[in-house]
Amino acid sequence: MKKNFSIRLNFDGKNVLAVIVSQVRQDGRYYEVNITGFPRFFMKWSALGRYDVVEQEGLKLPYNLVLALSDALETGG
């Protein structure tokens, strides 16, 4: 897996550029996700068997965006 990468994602008829920065913490690997128009958020591997958003107060993201990001993280960008 690349440490940092950017990728174009398609979801709900939109095309966005996501810049992803990998971070290793004591409790595992996290991915900082930066997308214009959305607040910065973090994702990590979840019990659902895919990457999911780490809970952040007030964060509302389109579910299809989360799924597109999960797929991108699994394939390594």
Protein backbone atom coordinates (compact mmCIF):
# COMPACT_ATOMS: atom_id res chain seq x y z
CA MET A 1 0.00 0.00 0.00
CA LYS A 2 1.32 3.41 -0.92
CA LYS A 3 1.84 5.77 1.99
CA ASN A 4 0.12 8.74 0.30
CA PHE A 5 -1.82 8.84 -2.93
CA SER A 6 -4.60 10.61 -4.77
CA ILE A 7 -7.40 9.02 -6.74
CA ARG A 8 -10.43 10.13 -8.74
CA LEU A 9 -13.67 8.63 -7.45
CA ASN A 10 -17.07 8.38 -9.12
CA PHE A 11 -20.17 8.24 -6.95
CA ASP A 12 -23.76 9.37 -7.48
CA GLY A 13 -22.86 10.89 -10.87
CA LYS A 14 -20.06 13.01 -9.36
CA ASN A 15 -16.32 12.79 -9.96
CA VAL A 16 -14.07 13.97 -7.11
CA LEU A 17 -10.37 13.93 -6.34
CA ALA A 18 -9.50 12.30 -3.02
CA VAL A 19 -6.08 12.81 -1.44
CA ILE A 20 -5.32 10.00 1.01
CA VAL A 21 -2.58 10.05 3.65
CA SER A 22 -1.72 6.85 5.52
CA GLN A 23 -1.00 7.04 9.26
CA VAL A 24 0.10 4.30 11.65
CA ARG A 25 -1.18 4.69 15.20
CA GLN A 26 -1.02 2.45 18.26
CA ASP A 27 -4.38 0.88 17.43
CA GLY A 28 -3.76 0.33 13.71
CA ARG A 29 -3.51 2.03 10.34
CA TYR A 30 -5.71 5.02 9.61
CA TYR A 31 -6.25 6.89 6.36
CA GLU A 32 -6.78 10.64 6.38
CA VAL A 33 -9.08 11.53 3.49
CA ASN A 34 -9.19 15.02 1.98
CA ILE A 35 -11.85 15.84 -0.61
CA THR A 36 -12.79 19.36 -1.66
CA GLY A 37 -16.27 20.19 -0.37
CA PHE A 38 -16.12 17.75 2.56
CA PRO A 39 -14.44 18.11 5.96
CA ARG A 40 -11.28 16.05 6.46
CA PHE A 41 -12.10 12.62 7.88
CA PHE A 42 -10.42 9.33 8.74
CA MET A 43 -11.06 5.74 7.71
CA LYS A 44 -9.75 2.41 8.99
CA TRP A 45 -10.46 -1.30 8.57
CA SER A 46 -13.68 -2.23 10.36
CA ALA A 47 -15.49 -5.28 11.66
CA LEU A 48 -17.71 -5.00 8.56
CA GLY A 49 -14.85 -6.45 6.51
CA ARG A 50 -14.16 -3.20 4.67
CA TYR A 51 -12.77 0.26 5.32
CA ASP A 52 -15.20 2.54 7.12
CA VAL A 53 -15.28 6.08 8.44
CA VAL A 54 -14.02 6.65 11.98
CA GLU A 55 -16.80 8.33 13.94
CA GLN A 56 -16.50 12.09 13.88
CA GLU A 57 -19.10 14.37 15.40
CA GLY A 58 -21.29 16.09 12.82
CA LEU A 59 -19.76 14.30 9.83
CA LYS A 60 -22.28 13.41 7.13
CA LEU A 61 -20.98 11.73 3.99
CA PRO A 62 -22.83 10.11 1.10
CA TYR A 63 -22.85 6.34 1.66
CA ASN A 64 -21.77 5.71 -1.95
CA LEU A 65 -18.71 7.91 -1.38
CA VAL A 66 -17.73 5.79 1.64
CA LEU A 67 -18.11 2.61 -0.45
CA ALA A 68 -16.03 4.08 -3.31
CA LEU A 69 -13.30 5.06 -0.85
CA SER A 70 -13.35 1.61 0.75
CA ASP A 71 -12.86 0.01 -2.68
CA ALA A 72 -10.01 2.43 -3.47
CA LEU A 73 -8.25 1.68 -0.18
CA GLU A 74 -8.60 -2.08 -0.68
CA THR A 75 -6.99 -1.89 -4.11
CA GLY A 76 -4.28 0.44 -2.84
CA GLY A 77 -5.16 3.40 -5.03
